[in-house]
């Protein structure tokens, strides 16, 4: 990967190997795919548009985001206007039971 890696670059330029779907589930095949880059940054892309743009995040930014999600700081994203809070998806009791294609 000798090319410059930048936010919004075509995801295909990062290659096809190394992408995984750590959050896949019963969403009709529309998943966020993630790739850890050689320099420690994280790339995200939409699984239904693998040639679309990649969002590139510094390791510390992604770590902070994941910590915040685990702490419930992103729960507001699940609220649907005029419908009350969206139901939480059922999570398997043990991490080994969670679906992932990594």
N, C-alpha and C. Protein backbone atom coordinates (compact mmCIF):
# COMPACT_ATOMS: atom_id res chain seq x y z
N UNK A 1 0.84 -1.17 0.00
CA UNK A 1 0.00 0.00 0.00
C UNK A 1 0.88 1.24 0.00
N UNK A 2 1.50 1.53 -1.12
CA UNK A 2 2.40 2.66 -1.21
C UNK A 2 1.70 3.97 -1.56
N UNK A 3 0.40 3.92 -1.89
CA UNK A 3 -0.33 5.13 -2.24
C UNK A 3 -0.76 5.88 -0.98
N UNK A 4 -1.01 7.17 -1.16
CA UNK A 4 -1.50 7.99 -0.06
C UNK A 4 -2.90 7.52 0.32
N UNK A 5 -3.12 7.32 1.61
CA UNK A 5 -4.42 6.91 2.13
C UNK A 5 -5.09 8.14 2.72
N UNK A 6 -6.29 8.44 2.26
CA UNK A 6 -6.99 9.65 2.70
C UNK A 6 -8.48 9.39 2.86
N UNK A 7 -9.11 10.20 3.68
CA UNK A 7 -10.53 10.08 3.94
C UNK A 7 -11.33 10.33 2.67
N UNK A 8 -12.23 9.41 2.35
CA UNK A 8 -13.07 9.54 1.16
C UNK A 8 -12.50 8.90 -0.08
N UNK A 9 -11.31 8.32 0.03
CA UNK A 9 -10.72 7.67 -1.15
C UNK A 9 -11.56 6.46 -1.54
N UNK A 10 -11.52 6.05 -2.81
CA UNK A 10 -12.23 4.85 -3.21
C UNK A 10 -11.72 3.65 -2.42
N UNK A 11 -12.62 2.95 -1.75
CA UNK A 11 -12.23 1.82 -0.91
C UNK A 11 -11.48 0.75 -1.70
N UNK A 12 -11.80 0.59 -2.98
CA UNK A 12 -11.13 -0.43 -3.79
C UNK A 12 -9.62 -0.20 -3.85
N UNK A 13 -9.18 1.07 -3.67
CA UNK A 13 -7.75 1.37 -3.71
C UNK A 13 -7.01 0.82 -2.48
N UNK A 14 -7.76 0.43 -1.46
CA UNK A 14 -7.15 -0.19 -0.28
C UNK A 14 -7.00 -1.70 -0.44
N UNK A 15 -7.51 -2.23 -1.53
CA UNK A 15 -7.43 -3.66 -1.79
C UNK A 15 -8.68 -4.38 -1.32
N UNK A 16 -8.75 -5.65 -1.64
CA UNK A 16 -9.93 -6.44 -1.28
C UNK A 16 -9.66 -7.34 -0.08
N UNK A 17 -8.43 -7.52 0.30
CA UNK A 17 -8.08 -8.37 1.44
C UNK A 17 -8.04 -7.56 2.73
N UNK A 18 -8.49 -8.16 3.81
CA UNK A 18 -8.39 -7.53 5.12
C UNK A 18 -9.66 -6.87 5.61
N UNK A 19 -10.67 -6.77 4.77
CA UNK A 19 -11.95 -6.20 5.20
C UNK A 19 -12.72 -7.25 5.98
N UNK A 20 -13.35 -6.84 7.07
CA UNK A 20 -14.20 -7.78 7.80
C UNK A 20 -15.46 -7.06 8.25
N UNK A 21 -16.46 -7.86 8.60
CA UNK A 21 -17.77 -7.34 9.02
C UNK A 21 -17.98 -7.68 10.49
N UNK A 22 -17.35 -6.92 11.38
CA UNK A 22 -17.48 -7.27 12.80
C UNK A 22 -18.86 -7.03 13.35
N UNK A 23 -19.72 -6.29 12.65
CA UNK A 23 -21.05 -5.97 13.16
C UNK A 23 -22.14 -6.54 12.27
N UNK A 24 -21.88 -7.63 11.57
CA UNK A 24 -22.91 -8.15 10.67
C UNK A 24 -24.02 -8.81 11.47
N UNK A 25 -25.16 -8.87 10.87
CA UNK A 25 -26.30 -9.47 11.54
C UNK A 25 -27.48 -9.52 10.60
N UNK A 26 -28.66 -9.50 11.16
CA UNK A 26 -29.88 -9.62 10.38
C UNK A 26 -30.33 -8.30 9.80
N UNK A 27 -29.50 -7.68 9.00
CA UNK A 27 -29.84 -6.37 8.43
C UNK A 27 -29.94 -6.41 6.91
N UNK A 28 -30.22 -7.56 6.35
CA UNK A 28 -30.40 -7.66 4.91
C UNK A 28 -29.13 -7.54 4.10
N UNK A 29 -27.98 -7.76 4.71
CA UNK A 29 -26.71 -7.73 3.98
C UNK A 29 -26.05 -6.37 3.93
N UNK A 30 -26.65 -5.36 4.50
CA UNK A 30 -26.06 -4.03 4.53
C UNK A 30 -25.24 -3.89 5.80
N UNK A 31 -23.94 -4.00 5.68
CA UNK A 31 -23.06 -4.01 6.84
C UNK A 31 -21.96 -2.96 6.70
N UNK A 32 -21.42 -2.59 7.83
CA UNK A 32 -20.21 -1.78 7.84
C UNK A 32 -19.03 -2.74 7.84
N UNK A 33 -18.10 -2.52 6.93
CA UNK A 33 -16.89 -3.33 6.89
C UNK A 33 -15.73 -2.48 7.40
N UNK A 34 -14.83 -3.12 8.11
CA UNK A 34 -13.69 -2.42 8.70
C UNK A 34 -12.39 -3.08 8.28
N UNK A 35 -11.35 -2.26 8.19
CA UNK A 35 -10.01 -2.77 7.89
C UNK A 35 -9.01 -1.98 8.73
N UNK A 36 -8.14 -2.70 9.40
CA UNK A 36 -7.06 -2.02 10.13
C UNK A 36 -5.92 -1.81 9.14
N UNK A 37 -5.48 -0.57 9.01
CA UNK A 37 -4.41 -0.24 8.07
C UNK A 37 -3.05 -0.45 8.72
N UNK A 38 -2.03 -0.57 7.91
CA UNK A 38 -0.68 -0.86 8.40
C UNK A 38 -0.17 0.18 9.40
N UNK A 39 -0.63 1.43 9.27
CA UNK A 39 -0.16 2.49 10.17
C UNK A 39 -1.02 2.61 11.44
N UNK A 40 -1.98 1.68 11.64
CA UNK A 40 -2.81 1.68 12.83
C UNK A 40 -4.15 2.37 12.65
N UNK A 41 -4.32 3.13 11.56
CA UNK A 41 -5.61 3.75 11.32
C UNK A 41 -6.63 2.67 10.94
N UNK A 42 -7.90 3.06 10.95
CA UNK A 42 -8.99 2.15 10.62
C UNK A 42 -9.77 2.72 9.44
N UNK A 43 -10.05 1.86 8.46
CA UNK A 43 -10.88 2.25 7.32
C UNK A 43 -12.24 1.58 7.46
N UNK A 44 -13.29 2.31 7.14
CA UNK A 44 -14.65 1.78 7.14
C UNK A 44 -15.25 1.98 5.76
N UNK A 45 -16.07 1.02 5.33
CA UNK A 45 -16.80 1.16 4.07
C UNK A 45 -18.14 0.47 4.20
N UNK A 46 -19.04 0.78 3.28
CA UNK A 46 -20.36 0.16 3.24
C UNK A 46 -20.25 -1.13 2.43
N UNK A 47 -20.72 -2.24 2.99
CA UNK A 47 -20.57 -3.53 2.31
C UNK A 47 -21.32 -3.59 0.99
N UNK A 48 -22.42 -2.86 0.88
CA UNK A 48 -23.18 -2.88 -0.37
C UNK A 48 -22.57 -1.99 -1.45
N UNK A 49 -21.53 -1.23 -1.09
CA UNK A 49 -20.84 -0.36 -2.04
C UNK A 49 -19.34 -0.46 -1.82
N UNK A 50 -18.74 -1.65 -2.04
CA UNK A 50 -17.32 -1.83 -1.73
C UNK A 50 -16.38 -0.97 -2.57
N UNK A 51 -16.87 -0.40 -3.65
CA UNK A 51 -16.05 0.49 -4.46
C UNK A 51 -16.26 1.95 -4.08
N UNK A 52 -17.17 2.20 -3.15
CA UNK A 52 -17.47 3.57 -2.72
C UNK A 52 -16.37 4.12 -1.82
N UNK A 53 -16.64 5.25 -1.19
CA UNK A 53 -15.61 5.90 -0.38
C UNK A 53 -15.30 5.16 0.91
N UNK A 54 -14.06 5.24 1.32
CA UNK A 54 -13.63 4.70 2.61
C UNK A 54 -13.47 5.86 3.57
N UNK A 55 -13.98 5.67 4.76
CA UNK A 55 -13.77 6.66 5.82
C UNK A 55 -12.57 6.20 6.63
N UNK A 56 -11.60 7.07 6.81
CA UNK A 56 -10.35 6.73 7.47
C UNK A 56 -10.30 7.43 8.82
N UNK A 57 -10.08 6.65 9.88
CA UNK A 57 -10.04 7.19 11.24
C UNK A 57 -8.72 6.85 11.92
N UNK A 58 -8.22 7.81 12.69
CA UNK A 58 -7.03 7.55 13.50
C UNK A 58 -7.40 6.50 14.55
N UNK A 59 -6.40 5.74 14.97
CA UNK A 59 -6.64 4.69 15.97
C UNK A 59 -7.30 5.26 17.22
N UNK A 60 -6.80 6.39 17.73
CA UNK A 60 -7.37 6.95 18.96
C UNK A 60 -8.82 7.40 18.77
N UNK A 61 -9.17 7.88 17.59
CA UNK A 61 -10.55 8.29 17.33
C UNK A 61 -11.48 7.08 17.32
N UNK A 62 -11.06 6.00 16.68
CA UNK A 62 -11.88 4.80 16.64
C UNK A 62 -12.00 4.18 18.03
N UNK A 63 -10.91 4.17 18.78
CA UNK A 63 -10.95 3.62 20.14
C UNK A 63 -11.91 4.43 21.01
N UNK A 64 -11.88 5.75 20.90
CA UNK A 64 -12.80 6.60 21.65
C UNK A 64 -14.25 6.37 21.25
N UNK A 65 -14.48 6.19 19.95
CA UNK A 65 -15.84 5.92 19.48
C UNK A 65 -16.36 4.61 20.05
N UNK A 66 -15.55 3.57 19.98
CA UNK A 66 -15.99 2.26 20.49
C UNK A 66 -16.24 2.31 21.99
N UNK A 67 -15.36 2.99 22.73
CA UNK A 67 -15.59 3.13 24.18
C UNK A 67 -16.90 3.87 24.44
N UNK A 68 -17.16 4.92 23.68
CA UNK A 68 -18.39 5.68 23.85
C UNK A 68 -19.64 4.86 23.54
N UNK A 69 -19.57 4.08 22.47
CA UNK A 69 -20.71 3.22 22.12
C UNK A 69 -20.97 2.21 23.24
N UNK A 70 -19.91 1.60 23.74
CA UNK A 70 -20.07 0.63 24.82
C UNK A 70 -20.65 1.28 26.07
N UNK A 71 -20.37 2.55 26.29
CA UNK A 71 -20.88 3.27 27.47
C UNK A 71 -22.29 3.81 27.25
N UNK A 72 -22.85 3.60 26.05
CA UNK A 72 -24.21 4.06 25.78
C UNK A 72 -24.30 5.47 25.23
N UNK A 73 -23.17 6.10 24.93
CA UNK A 73 -23.18 7.48 24.47
C UNK A 73 -23.74 7.66 23.07
N UNK A 74 -23.93 6.58 22.32
CA UNK A 74 -24.48 6.68 20.97
C UNK A 74 -25.90 6.15 20.89
N UNK A 75 -26.51 5.86 22.03
CA UNK A 75 -27.86 5.31 22.03
C UNK A 75 -28.87 6.25 21.36
N UNK A 76 -28.59 7.55 21.38
CA UNK A 76 -29.50 8.51 20.74
C UNK A 76 -29.66 8.23 19.25
N UNK A 77 -28.70 7.54 18.65
CA UNK A 77 -28.78 7.21 17.22
C UNK A 77 -29.87 6.18 16.94
N UNK A 78 -30.31 5.47 17.96
CA UNK A 78 -31.32 4.43 17.79
C UNK A 78 -32.74 4.96 17.96
N UNK A 79 -32.90 6.21 18.36
CA UNK A 79 -34.21 6.80 18.57
C UNK A 79 -34.80 7.21 17.22
N UNK A 80 -36.02 6.75 16.97
CA UNK A 80 -36.71 7.12 15.74
C UNK A 80 -37.72 8.21 16.06
N UNK A 81 -37.75 9.25 15.27
CA UNK A 81 -38.65 10.37 15.49
C UNK A 81 -40.10 9.88 15.52
N UNK A 82 -40.86 10.31 16.50
CA UNK A 82 -42.28 9.98 16.67
C UNK A 82 -42.54 8.50 16.92
N UNK A 83 -41.52 7.71 17.13
CA UNK A 83 -41.73 6.28 17.35
C UNK A 83 -41.15 5.82 18.68
N UNK A 84 -40.54 6.71 19.41
CA UNK A 84 -39.89 6.29 20.65
C UNK A 84 -38.57 5.62 20.33
N UNK A 85 -37.90 5.13 21.34
CA UNK A 85 -36.61 4.49 21.11
C UNK A 85 -36.73 3.21 20.28
N UNK A 86 -35.76 3.01 19.41
CA UNK A 86 -35.72 1.78 18.64
C UNK A 86 -35.39 0.63 19.56
N UNK A 87 -35.96 -0.54 19.31
CA UNK A 87 -35.63 -1.68 20.16
C UNK A 87 -34.17 -2.05 20.02
N UNK A 88 -33.58 -2.44 21.11
CA UNK A 88 -32.19 -2.87 21.07
C UNK A 88 -32.11 -4.25 20.44
N UNK A 89 -31.15 -4.48 19.55
CA UNK A 89 -31.00 -5.81 18.97
C UNK A 89 -30.56 -6.79 20.04
N UNK A 90 -31.06 -8.01 19.93
CA UNK A 90 -30.66 -9.05 20.88
C UNK A 90 -29.19 -9.37 20.66
N UNK A 91 -28.44 -9.46 21.75
CA UNK A 91 -27.02 -9.78 21.66
C UNK A 91 -26.79 -11.14 22.30
N UNK A 92 -26.04 -11.99 21.66
CA UNK A 92 -25.69 -13.27 22.29
C UNK A 92 -24.98 -13.02 23.61
N UNK A 93 -25.16 -13.93 24.52
CA UNK A 93 -24.58 -13.77 25.85
C UNK A 93 -23.06 -13.85 25.83
N UNK A 94 -22.51 -14.58 24.93
CA UNK A 94 -21.06 -14.80 24.89
C UNK A 94 -20.50 -14.25 23.60
N UNK A 95 -19.37 -13.49 23.65
CA UNK A 95 -18.80 -12.91 22.43
C UNK A 95 -18.53 -13.92 21.32
N UNK A 96 -18.23 -15.15 21.66
CA UNK A 96 -17.93 -16.15 20.64
C UNK A 96 -19.16 -16.50 19.82
N UNK A 97 -20.37 -16.19 20.32
CA UNK A 97 -21.59 -16.49 19.60
C UNK A 97 -21.99 -15.38 18.65
N UNK A 98 -21.35 -14.22 18.71
CA UNK A 98 -21.70 -13.10 17.84
C UNK A 98 -21.25 -13.38 16.42
N UNK A 99 -22.06 -12.96 15.46
CA UNK A 99 -21.71 -13.15 14.05
C UNK A 99 -20.63 -12.18 13.65
N UNK A 100 -19.63 -12.66 12.99
CA UNK A 100 -18.57 -11.82 12.45
C UNK A 100 -17.94 -12.56 11.31
N UNK A 101 -17.52 -11.84 10.30
CA UNK A 101 -16.84 -12.50 9.18
C UNK A 101 -15.38 -12.12 9.14
N UNK A 102 -14.83 -11.73 10.29
CA UNK A 102 -13.41 -11.37 10.35
C UNK A 102 -12.55 -12.62 10.38
